Amino acid sequence: RANGEAAEGSSEDTSALRLDVTTALQFLVHEDTLVLHPGVPKTGLMGFGDIAPGACKELHVVYVCKGRAYSAQVGDTEAFKAPDEAHRLEASSADAVLQRYASMKSS
């Protein structure tokens, strides 16, 4: 999900705005790897959008790869590569993600 956060000095609170970009990210996966290049605003990627113009953007990614759960946050123009062991969740957090993933697959 892409999270919009209020830009410094902004009078409008955009911290609760979210845009589900799950499908858009799935189309960017190649050979079990997702790579988002540095310097490229994610708001310009197909399937993404700018729901809070002028505000700082952050991408929050929760994903499952080969039975393991991961979570990461990345700024709008920062590089991102998944899977990455640095994103791996501890067992207590991973269980909830894996259960949610299993229920999505069975639907």
C-alpha atoms as a PDB file:
ATOM      1  CA  ARG A   1       0.000   0.000   0.000  1.00  0.00           C
ATOM      2  CA  ALA A   2       1.164   3.501  -0.677  1.00  0.00           C
ATOM      3  CA  ASN A   3       0.814   5.787   2.301  1.00  0.00           C
ATOM      4  CA  GLY A   4       0.585   9.552   1.896  1.00  0.00           C
ATOM      5  CA  GLU A   5       1.973  11.589   4.754  1.00  0.00           C
ATOM      6  CA  ALA A   6       1.502  15.294   5.310  1.00  0.00           C
ATOM      7  CA  ALA A   7       4.294  17.385   3.856  1.00  0.00           C
ATOM      8  CA  GLU A   8       6.138  19.721   6.201  1.00  0.00           C
ATOM      9  CA  GLY A   9       4.173  22.934   6.568  1.00  0.00           C
ATOM     10  CA  SER A  10       1.030  21.435   5.059  1.00  0.00           C
ATOM     11  CA  SER A  11      -2.234  22.316   6.766  1.00  0.00           C
ATOM     12  CA  GLU A  12      -3.957  19.262   5.325  1.00  0.00           C
ATOM     13  CA  ASP A  13      -3.548  15.941   7.157  1.00  0.00           C
ATOM     14  CA  THR A  14      -2.960  13.248   4.543  1.00  0.00           C
ATOM     15  CA  SER A  15      -1.532  10.588   6.875  1.00  0.00           C
ATOM     16  CA  ALA A  16      -4.659   8.405   6.646  1.00  0.00           C
ATOM     17  CA  LEU A  17      -4.724   8.303   2.832  1.00  0.00           C
ATOM     18  CA  ARG A  18      -3.854   4.924   1.352  1.00  0.00           C
ATOM     19  CA  LEU A  19      -3.862   3.480  -2.131  1.00  0.00           C
ATOM     20  CA  ASP A  20      -3.757  -0.296  -2.646  1.00  0.00           C
ATOM     21  CA  VAL A  21      -1.119  -0.959  -5.324  1.00  0.00           C
ATOM     22  CA  THR A  22      -0.909  -4.731  -4.825  1.00  0.00           C
ATOM     23  CA  THR A  23      -1.878  -5.599  -8.395  1.00  0.00           C
ATOM     24  CA  ALA A  24       0.445  -2.965  -9.864  1.00  0.00           C
ATOM     25  CA  LEU A  25       3.388  -4.356  -7.867  1.00  0.00           C
ATOM     26  CA  GLN A  26       2.573  -7.945  -8.867  1.00  0.00           C
ATOM     27  CA  PHE A  27       2.938  -6.956 -12.530  1.00  0.00           C
ATOM     28  CA  LEU A  28       6.449  -5.639 -11.784  1.00  0.00           C
ATOM     29  CA  VAL A  29       7.671  -8.967 -10.342  1.00  0.00           C
ATOM     30  CA  HIS A  30      10.052 -10.815 -12.671  1.00  0.00           C
ATOM     31  CA  GLU A  31      11.530 -14.225 -11.805  1.00  0.00           C
ATOM     32  CA  ASP A  32      10.356 -13.940  -8.163  1.00  0.00           C
ATOM     33  CA  THR A  33      12.059 -10.551  -7.731  1.00  0.00           C
ATOM     34  CA  LEU A  34      10.654  -7.042  -7.485  1.00  0.00           C
ATOM     35  CA  VAL A  35      13.018  -4.169  -8.254  1.00  0.00           C
ATOM     36  CA  LEU A  36      12.088  -0.489  -8.009  1.00  0.00           C
ATOM     37  CA  HIS A  37      14.905   1.763  -9.187  1.00  0.00           C
ATOM     38  CA  PRO A  38      16.209   4.778  -7.243  1.00  0.00           C
ATOM     39  CA  GLY A  39      15.204   8.246  -8.352  1.00  0.00           C
ATOM     40  CA  VAL A  40      11.992   7.079 -10.035  1.00  0.00           C
ATOM     41  CA  PRO A  41       8.906   8.360  -8.207  1.00  0.00           C
ATOM     42  CA  LYS A  42       6.577   5.479  -7.485  1.00  0.00           C
ATOM     43  CA  THR A  43       3.630   7.818  -8.012  1.00  0.00           C
ATOM     44  CA  GLY A  44       4.531   7.752 -11.723  1.00  0.00           C
ATOM     45  CA  LEU A  45       4.424   3.965 -12.053  1.00  0.00           C
ATOM     46  CA  MET A  46       1.484   2.375 -13.857  1.00  0.00           C
ATOM     47  CA  GLY A  47      -1.232   1.478 -11.363  1.00  0.00           C
ATOM     48  CA  PHE A  48      -0.011   3.977  -8.796  1.00  0.00           C
ATOM     49  CA  GLY A  49      -1.350   7.485  -8.394  1.00  0.00           C
ATOM     50  CA  ASP A  50      -0.839  10.680  -6.491  1.00  0.00           C
ATOM     51  CA  ILE A  51      -3.728  10.922  -4.043  1.00  0.00           C
ATOM     52  CA  ALA A  52      -1.986  13.660  -2.049  1.00  0.00           C
ATOM     53  CA  PRO A  53      -0.157  16.055  -4.390  1.00  0.00           C
ATOM     54  CA  GLY A  54       2.685  17.848  -2.644  1.00  0.00           C
ATOM     55  CA  ALA A  55       2.799  15.447   0.310  1.00  0.00           C
ATOM     56  CA  CYS A  56       5.666  13.058   1.083  1.00  0.00           C
ATOM     57  CA  LYS A  57       4.928   9.518  -0.101  1.00  0.00           C
ATOM     58  CA  GLU A  58       5.913   6.179   1.362  1.00  0.00           C
ATOM     59  CA  LEU A  59       5.345   2.672   0.043  1.00  0.00           C
ATOM     60  CA  HIS A  60       4.574  -0.007   2.633  1.00  0.00           C
ATOM     61  CA  VAL A  61       5.028  -3.503   1.223  1.00  0.00           C
ATOM     62  CA  VAL A  62       3.976  -6.696   3.007  1.00  0.00           C
ATOM     63  CA  TYR A  63       4.764  -9.788   0.987  1.00  0.00           C
ATOM     64  CA  VAL A  64       5.163 -13.557   1.113  1.00  0.00           C
ATOM     65  CA  CYS A  65       7.891 -15.359  -0.816  1.00  0.00           C
ATOM     66  CA  LYS A  66       8.606 -19.088  -0.604  1.00  0.00           C
ATOM     67  CA  GLY A  67       6.520 -19.428   2.566  1.00  0.00           C
ATOM     68  CA  ARG A  68       8.233 -16.577   4.426  1.00  0.00           C
ATOM     69  CA  ALA A  69       6.654 -13.242   5.381  1.00  0.00           C
ATOM     70  CA  TYR A  70       8.310  -9.877   4.852  1.00  0.00           C
ATOM     71  CA  SER A  71       7.503  -6.204   5.431  1.00  0.00           C
ATOM     72  CA  ALA A  72       9.271  -3.032   4.305  1.00  0.00           C
ATOM     73  CA  GLN A  73       8.731   0.696   3.928  1.00  0.00           C
ATOM     74  CA  VAL A  74      10.413   2.771   1.247  1.00  0.00           C
ATOM     75  CA  GLY A  75      10.293   6.434   0.262  1.00  0.00           C
ATOM     76  CA  ASP A  76       8.805   7.577  -3.032  1.00  0.00           C
ATOM     77  CA  THR A  77      12.128   7.823  -4.894  1.00  0.00           C
ATOM     78  CA  GLU A  78      14.168   5.252  -2.936  1.00  0.00           C
ATOM     79  CA  ALA A  79      15.357   1.960  -4.411  1.00  0.00           C
ATOM     80  CA  PHE A  80      13.594  -1.244  -3.351  1.00  0.00           C
ATOM     81  CA  LYS A  81      14.342  -4.902  -4.016  1.00  0.00           C
ATOM     82  CA  ALA A  82      12.405  -7.904  -2.792  1.00  0.00           C
ATOM     83  CA  PRO A  83      12.807 -10.454  -1.463  1.00  0.00           C
ATOM     84  CA  ASP A  84      15.384  -9.174   0.985  1.00  0.00           C
ATOM     85  CA  GLU A  85      16.238 -10.917   4.265  1.00  0.00           C
ATOM     86  CA  ALA A  86      16.395  -7.475   5.925  1.00  0.00           C
ATOM     87  CA  HIS A  87      12.601  -7.302   5.424  1.00  0.00           C
ATOM     88  CA  ARG A  88      11.881 -10.720   6.959  1.00  0.00           C
ATOM     89  CA  LEU A  89       9.365 -10.657   9.809  1.00  0.00           C
ATOM     90  CA  GLU A  90       9.865 -12.344  13.148  1.00  0.00           C
ATOM     91  CA  ALA A  91       7.708 -15.407  13.788  1.00  0.00           C
ATOM     92  CA  SER A  92       5.110 -13.580  15.911  1.00  0.00           C
ATOM     93  CA  SER A  93       4.418 -11.001  13.171  1.00  0.00           C
ATOM     94  CA  ALA A  94       4.863 -13.450  10.314  1.00  0.00           C
ATOM     95  CA  ASP A  95       2.099 -15.784  11.501  1.00  0.00           C
ATOM     96  CA  ALA A  96      -0.614 -13.151  10.974  1.00  0.00           C
ATOM     97  CA  VAL A  97       0.698 -12.276   7.506  1.00  0.00           C
ATOM     98  CA  LEU A  98       0.930 -15.924   6.475  1.00  0.00           C
ATOM     99  CA  GLN A  99      -2.613 -16.625   7.711  1.00  0.00           C
ATOM    100  CA  ARG A 100      -3.965 -13.627   5.786  1.00  0.00           C
ATOM    101  CA  TYR A 101      -2.067 -14.777   2.680  1.00  0.00           C
ATOM    102  CA  ALA A 102      -3.455 -18.327   2.995  1.00  0.00           C
ATOM    103  CA  SER A 103      -7.020 -17.013   3.287  1.00  0.00           C
ATOM    104  CA  MET A 104      -6.527 -14.802   0.206  1.00  0.00           C
ATOM    105  CA  LYS A 105      -5.273 -17.754  -1.841  1.00  0.00           C
ATOM    106  CA  SER A 106      -8.237 -19.941  -0.863  1.00  0.00           C
ATOM    107  CA  SER A 107     -10.789 -17.264  -1.830  1.00  0.00           C
END
